[in-house]
Amino acid sequence: MTTPREHLEDWLRDAYAMERQAETMLKSQAARLDNYPVLRERIQQHVEVTLEQQRMLEGCLRRLDIAPSAIKDLAARIAAYGQAASGVFVSDEVVKGAMASYVFGNLEIASYKTLIAAAQLAGEKEIRDCCERTLKQEIDMAQWLSEQLSDIVIAFLERSASERSDAKR
C-alpha cells in the first residue's frame, strides 16, 4: 500500500521536473519575443519566480530526505526543448506560445493544489505552506496571461494582416 507521504514524495519530484521544464520553456520564449515587450518582461519576471520555486521544491525534497528524479527532470527538459524548437517554425509563435504558457500554468496550478492536499494529509505543514505560496504565484501568472491573451492575439493579427515582419515574435 502506498502512503500519502510516498505520493507526496513522488509528486514533489514531478513538480520539481515541471518547474525545470517551465524554466527552459520560459527562457526560450522570452529570448525570442523581440516585438512584444510587455509579454517578454512578464515572462522574464516569471523566470525568476520559477527559479525561486525550484529552490523551494529542493528544500521540500531535502526536508523529506529525497532527491529530485534525474530521469523525470531530463524528460521534462527534453519536452521543453522540443516545444521551444517547434515554435521557431510557426508563423504565429507568439500566440501559440502564450496559449501554451497559459495551459502549462494551469497544469502547475493543479499540481500545487494536489501537493497541498497531499502535504496536509501527510502532516507536512511546512511543505503545504510552501506549496500554497507557489500556488498563489502560479494563479497570478495564469490570471495575467488570461487578461493579456486577447491583446496579444489582436496585436499579432494586426501585424500579420499588414504583413509586418514583427508579427511572429
C-alpha atoms as a PDB file:
ATOM      1  CA  MET A   1       0.000   0.000   0.000  1.00  0.00           C
ATOM      2  CA  THR A   2       1.313   3.431  -0.914  1.00  0.00           C
ATOM      3  CA  THR A   3       1.204   6.044   1.847  1.00  0.00           C
ATOM      4  CA  PRO A   4       0.262   9.716   1.441  1.00  0.00           C
ATOM      5  CA  ARG A   5       3.901  10.591   2.168  1.00  0.00           C
ATOM      6  CA  GLU A   6       5.139   8.345  -0.656  1.00  0.00           C
ATOM      7  CA  HIS A   7       2.729  10.007  -3.059  1.00  0.00           C
ATOM      8  CA  LEU A   8       3.831  13.401  -1.762  1.00  0.00           C
ATOM      9  CA  GLU A   9       7.467  12.496  -2.423  1.00  0.00           C
ATOM     10  CA  ASP A  10       6.679  11.367  -5.962  1.00  0.00           C
ATOM     11  CA  TRP A  11       4.557  14.425  -6.707  1.00  0.00           C
ATOM     12  CA  LEU A  12       7.231  16.756  -5.333  1.00  0.00           C
ATOM     13  CA  ARG A  13       9.701  15.178  -7.749  1.00  0.00           C
ATOM     14  CA  ASP A  14       7.176  15.693 -10.555  1.00  0.00           C
ATOM     15  CA  ALA A  15       6.703  19.335  -9.542  1.00  0.00           C
ATOM     16  CA  TYR A  16      10.451  19.908  -9.496  1.00  0.00           C
ATOM     17  CA  ALA A  17      10.772  18.453 -13.010  1.00  0.00           C
ATOM     18  CA  MET A  18       7.792  20.572 -14.084  1.00  0.00           C
ATOM     19  CA  GLU A  19       9.458  23.761 -12.815  1.00  0.00           C
ATOM     20  CA  ARG A  20      12.690  22.852 -14.604  1.00  0.00           C
ATOM     21  CA  GLN A  21      10.624  22.388 -17.771  1.00  0.00           C
ATOM     22  CA  ALA A  22       8.944  25.748 -17.166  1.00  0.00           C
ATOM     23  CA  GLU A  23      12.336  27.428 -16.797  1.00  0.00           C
ATOM     24  CA  THR A  24      13.529  26.071 -20.139  1.00  0.00           C
ATOM     25  CA  MET A  25      10.302  26.980 -21.943  1.00  0.00           C
ATOM     26  CA  LEU A  26      10.064  30.474 -20.470  1.00  0.00           C
ATOM     27  CA  LYS A  27      13.701  31.378 -21.126  1.00  0.00           C
ATOM     28  CA  SER A  28      13.424  30.178 -24.708  1.00  0.00           C
ATOM     29  CA  GLN A  29      10.197  32.064 -25.264  1.00  0.00           C
ATOM     30  CA  ALA A  30      11.465  35.302 -23.701  1.00  0.00           C
ATOM     31  CA  ALA A  31      14.650  35.191 -25.763  1.00  0.00           C
ATOM     32  CA  ARG A  32      12.632  35.334 -28.992  1.00  0.00           C
ATOM     33  CA  LEU A  33       9.943  37.877 -28.056  1.00  0.00           C
ATOM     34  CA  ASP A  34      11.606  40.918 -29.572  1.00  0.00           C
ATOM     35  CA  ASN A  35       8.420  42.701 -30.599  1.00  0.00           C
ATOM     36  CA  TYR A  36       6.136  42.010 -27.644  1.00  0.00           C
ATOM     37  CA  PRO A  37       7.995  43.778 -24.805  1.00  0.00           C
ATOM     38  CA  VAL A  38       5.217  43.601 -22.189  1.00  0.00           C
ATOM     39  CA  LEU A  39       4.878  39.850 -22.631  1.00  0.00           C
ATOM     40  CA  ARG A  40       8.654  39.384 -22.701  1.00  0.00           C
ATOM     41  CA  GLU A  41       9.108  41.378 -19.482  1.00  0.00           C
ATOM     42  CA  ARG A  42       6.390  39.439 -17.653  1.00  0.00           C
ATOM     43  CA  ILE A  43       7.845  36.123 -18.792  1.00  0.00           C
ATOM     44  CA  GLN A  44      11.307  37.208 -17.663  1.00  0.00           C
ATOM     45  CA  GLN A  45       9.852  38.098 -14.259  1.00  0.00           C
ATOM     46  CA  HIS A  46       8.226  34.688 -14.071  1.00  0.00           C
ATOM     47  CA  VAL A  47      11.544  33.005 -14.871  1.00  0.00           C
ATOM     48  CA  GLU A  48      12.854  34.493 -11.611  1.00  0.00           C
ATOM     49  CA  VAL A  49       9.755  33.252  -9.777  1.00  0.00           C
ATOM     50  CA  THR A  50      10.256  29.817 -11.342  1.00  0.00           C
ATOM     51  CA  LEU A  51      13.864  29.667 -10.137  1.00  0.00           C
ATOM     52  CA  GLU A  52      12.649  30.585  -6.647  1.00  0.00           C
ATOM     53  CA  GLN A  53      10.047  27.818  -6.867  1.00  0.00           C
ATOM     54  CA  GLN A  54      12.741  25.326  -7.842  1.00  0.00           C
ATOM     55  CA  ARG A  55      14.743  26.282  -4.748  1.00  0.00           C
ATOM     56  CA  MET A  56      11.621  25.915  -2.609  1.00  0.00           C
ATOM     57  CA  LEU A  57      10.948  22.462  -4.037  1.00  0.00           C
ATOM     58  CA  GLU A  58      14.565  21.447  -3.481  1.00  0.00           C
ATOM     59  CA  GLY A  59      14.090  22.449   0.165  1.00  0.00           C
ATOM     60  CA  CYS A  60      10.905  20.385   0.404  1.00  0.00           C
ATOM     61  CA  LEU A  61      12.685  17.381  -1.098  1.00  0.00           C
ATOM     62  CA  ARG A  62      15.592  17.794   1.337  1.00  0.00           C
ATOM     63  CA  ARG A  63      13.110  18.059   4.203  1.00  0.00           C
ATOM     64  CA  LEU A  64      11.837  14.602   3.245  1.00  0.00           C
ATOM     65  CA  ASP A  65      15.415  13.383   2.679  1.00  0.00           C
ATOM     66  CA  ILE A  66      14.862  12.627  -1.005  1.00  0.00           C
ATOM     67  CA  ALA A  67      16.491  13.805  -4.226  1.00  0.00           C
ATOM     68  CA  PRO A  68      14.903  15.040  -7.435  1.00  0.00           C
ATOM     69  CA  SER A  69      14.401  12.399 -10.090  1.00  0.00           C
ATOM     70  CA  ALA A  70      17.104  12.800 -12.720  1.00  0.00           C
ATOM     71  CA  ILE A  71      15.019  10.845 -15.224  1.00  0.00           C
ATOM     72  CA  LYS A  72      11.890  12.970 -14.729  1.00  0.00           C
ATOM     73  CA  ASP A  73      13.980  16.133 -14.873  1.00  0.00           C
ATOM     74  CA  LEU A  74      15.680  15.058 -18.097  1.00  0.00           C
ATOM     75  CA  ALA A  75      12.395  14.025 -19.713  1.00  0.00           C
ATOM     76  CA  ALA A  76      10.783  17.347 -18.782  1.00  0.00           C
ATOM     77  CA  ARG A  77      13.692  19.349 -20.142  1.00  0.00           C
ATOM     78  CA  ILE A  78      13.707  17.386 -23.408  1.00  0.00           C
ATOM     79  CA  ALA A  79       9.978  18.064 -23.780  1.00  0.00           C
ATOM     80  CA  ALA A  80      10.580  21.763 -23.131  1.00  0.00           C
ATOM     81  CA  TYR A  81      13.362  21.941 -25.716  1.00  0.00           C
ATOM     82  CA  GLY A  82      11.083  20.226 -28.225  1.00  0.00           C
ATOM     83  CA  GLN A  83       8.295  22.682 -27.576  1.00  0.00           C
ATOM     84  CA  ALA A  84      10.677  25.637 -27.752  1.00  0.00           C
ATOM     85  CA  ALA A  85      12.179  24.434 -31.020  1.00  0.00           C
ATOM     86  CA  SER A  86       8.786  23.813 -32.600  1.00  0.00           C
ATOM     87  CA  GLY A  87       7.790  27.435 -32.038  1.00  0.00           C
ATOM     88  CA  VAL A  88      10.587  28.668 -34.257  1.00  0.00           C
ATOM     89  CA  PHE A  89       8.896  27.224 -37.348  1.00  0.00           C
ATOM     90  CA  VAL A  90       5.350  28.543 -36.933  1.00  0.00           C
ATOM     91  CA  SER A  91       4.155  31.893 -38.229  1.00  0.00           C
ATOM     92  CA  ASP A  92       2.077  32.609 -35.116  1.00  0.00           C
ATOM     93  CA  GLU A  93       4.689  31.734 -32.491  1.00  0.00           C
ATOM     94  CA  VAL A  94       3.697  34.494 -30.063  1.00  0.00           C
ATOM     95  CA  VAL A  95       0.056  33.352 -29.974  1.00  0.00           C
ATOM     96  CA  LYS A  96       0.857  29.657 -29.657  1.00  0.00           C
ATOM     97  CA  GLY A  97       3.490  30.423 -27.030  1.00  0.00           C
ATOM     98  CA  ALA A  98       1.058  32.496 -24.970  1.00  0.00           C
ATOM     99  CA  MET A  99      -1.563  29.751 -25.227  1.00  0.00           C
ATOM    100  CA  ALA A 100       0.960  27.086 -24.227  1.00  0.00           C
ATOM    101  CA  SER A 101       2.112  29.176 -21.269  1.00  0.00           C
ATOM    102  CA  TYR A 102      -1.481  29.587 -20.112  1.00  0.00           C
ATOM    103  CA  VAL A 103      -2.182  25.860 -20.392  1.00  0.00           C
ATOM    104  CA  PHE A 104       1.091  24.987 -18.659  1.00  0.00           C
ATOM    105  CA  GLY A 105       0.306  27.473 -15.878  1.00  0.00           C
ATOM    106  CA  ASN A 106      -2.995  25.735 -15.247  1.00  0.00           C
ATOM    107  CA  LEU A 107      -1.179  22.395 -15.085  1.00  0.00           C
ATOM    108  CA  GLU A 108       1.073  23.941 -12.438  1.00  0.00           C
ATOM    109  CA  ILE A 109      -1.972  25.182 -10.520  1.00  0.00           C
ATOM    110  CA  ALA A 110      -3.467  21.678 -10.493  1.00  0.00           C
ATOM    111  CA  SER A 111      -0.127  20.216  -9.424  1.00  0.00           C
ATOM    112  CA  TYR A 112       0.237  22.564  -6.463  1.00  0.00           C
ATOM    113  CA  LYS A 113      -3.366  22.006  -5.362  1.00  0.00           C
ATOM    114  CA  THR A 114      -2.591  18.281  -5.381  1.00  0.00           C
ATOM    115  CA  LEU A 115       0.598  18.815  -3.389  1.00  0.00           C
ATOM    116  CA  ILE A 116      -1.211  20.960  -0.818  1.00  0.00           C
ATOM    117  CA  ALA A 117      -3.782  18.231  -0.183  1.00  0.00           C
ATOM    118  CA  ALA A 118      -1.120  15.510  -0.008  1.00  0.00           C
ATOM    119  CA  ALA A 119       1.113  17.542   2.314  1.00  0.00           C
ATOM    120  CA  GLN A 120      -1.861  18.243   4.567  1.00  0.00           C
ATOM    121  CA  LEU A 121      -2.728  14.554   4.842  1.00  0.00           C
ATOM    122  CA  ALA A 122       0.931  13.592   5.313  1.00  0.00           C
ATOM    123  CA  GLY A 123       1.248  16.074   8.183  1.00  0.00           C
ATOM    124  CA  GLU A 124       3.822  18.203   6.342  1.00  0.00           C
ATOM    125  CA  LYS A 125       2.656  21.716   7.250  1.00  0.00           C
ATOM    126  CA  GLU A 126       5.849  23.435   6.071  1.00  0.00           C
ATOM    127  CA  ILE A 127       5.620  21.785   2.655  1.00  0.00           C
ATOM    128  CA  ARG A 128       1.923  22.635   2.454  1.00  0.00           C
ATOM    129  CA  ASP A 129       2.689  26.278   3.255  1.00  0.00           C
ATOM    130  CA  CYS A 130       5.421  26.431   0.586  1.00  0.00           C
ATOM    131  CA  CYS A 131       3.074  24.945  -1.994  1.00  0.00           C
ATOM    132  CA  GLU A 132       0.326  27.404  -1.056  1.00  0.00           C
ATOM    133  CA  ARG A 133       2.696  30.327  -1.698  1.00  0.00           C
ATOM    134  CA  THR A 134       3.701  28.831  -5.027  1.00  0.00           C
ATOM    135  CA  LEU A 135       0.073  28.177  -5.952  1.00  0.00           C
ATOM    136  CA  LYS A 136      -0.682  31.871  -5.495  1.00  0.00           C
ATOM    137  CA  GLN A 137       2.231  32.803  -7.775  1.00  0.00           C
ATOM    138  CA  GLU A 138       1.000  30.430 -10.475  1.00  0.00           C
ATOM    139  CA  ILE A 139      -2.576  31.681 -10.185  1.00  0.00           C
ATOM    140  CA  ASP A 140      -1.294  35.259 -10.544  1.00  0.00           C
ATOM    141  CA  MET A 141       0.657  34.388 -13.701  1.00  0.00           C
ATOM    142  CA  ALA A 142      -2.224  32.426 -15.244  1.00  0.00           C
ATOM    143  CA  GLN A 143      -4.593  35.299 -14.467  1.00  0.00           C
ATOM    144  CA  TRP A 144      -2.216  37.793 -16.081  1.00  0.00           C
ATOM    145  CA  LEU A 145      -1.932  35.619 -19.193  1.00  0.00           C
ATOM    146  CA  SER A 146      -5.705  35.242 -19.314  1.00  0.00           C
ATOM    147  CA  GLU A 147      -6.128  39.012 -19.168  1.00  0.00           C
ATOM    148  CA  GLN A 148      -3.443  39.651 -21.813  1.00  0.00           C
ATOM    149  CA  LEU A 149      -4.238  36.900 -24.299  1.00  0.00           C
ATOM    150  CA  SER A 150      -6.771  38.925 -26.307  1.00  0.00           C
ATOM    151  CA  ASP A 151      -4.358  41.861 -26.599  1.00  0.00           C
ATOM    152  CA  ILE A 152      -1.569  39.539 -27.735  1.00  0.00           C
ATOM    153  CA  VAL A 153      -3.826  37.970 -30.369  1.00  0.00           C
ATOM    154  CA  ILE A 154      -5.070  41.353 -31.617  1.00  0.00           C
ATOM    155  CA  ALA A 155      -1.527  42.746 -31.873  1.00  0.00           C
ATOM    156  CA  PHE A 156      -0.444  39.635 -33.762  1.00  0.00           C
ATOM    157  CA  LEU A 157      -3.434  39.715 -36.133  1.00  0.00           C
ATOM    158  CA  GLU A 158      -2.999  43.408 -36.919  1.00  0.00           C
ATOM    159  CA  ARG A 159       0.701  42.945 -37.643  1.00  0.00           C
ATOM    160  CA  SER A 160       0.084  39.785 -39.627  1.00  0.00           C
ATOM    161  CA  ALA A 161      -2.684  41.375 -41.729  1.00  0.00           C
ATOM    162  CA  SER A 162      -0.312  44.130 -42.806  1.00  0.00           C
ATOM    163  CA  GLU A 163       2.407  41.531 -43.416  1.00  0.00           C
ATOM    164  CA  ARG A 164       4.709  43.111 -40.854  1.00  0.00           C
ATOM    165  CA  SER A 165       7.822  41.106 -40.159  1.00  0.00           C
ATOM    166  CA  ASP A 166       7.436  41.677 -36.412  1.00  0.00           C
ATOM    167  CA  ALA A 167       4.161  39.723 -36.144  1.00  0.00           C
ATOM    168  CA  LYS A 168       5.571  36.270 -35.380  1.00  0.00           C
ATOM    169  CA  ARG A 169       7.517  37.195 -32.273  1.00  0.00           C
END
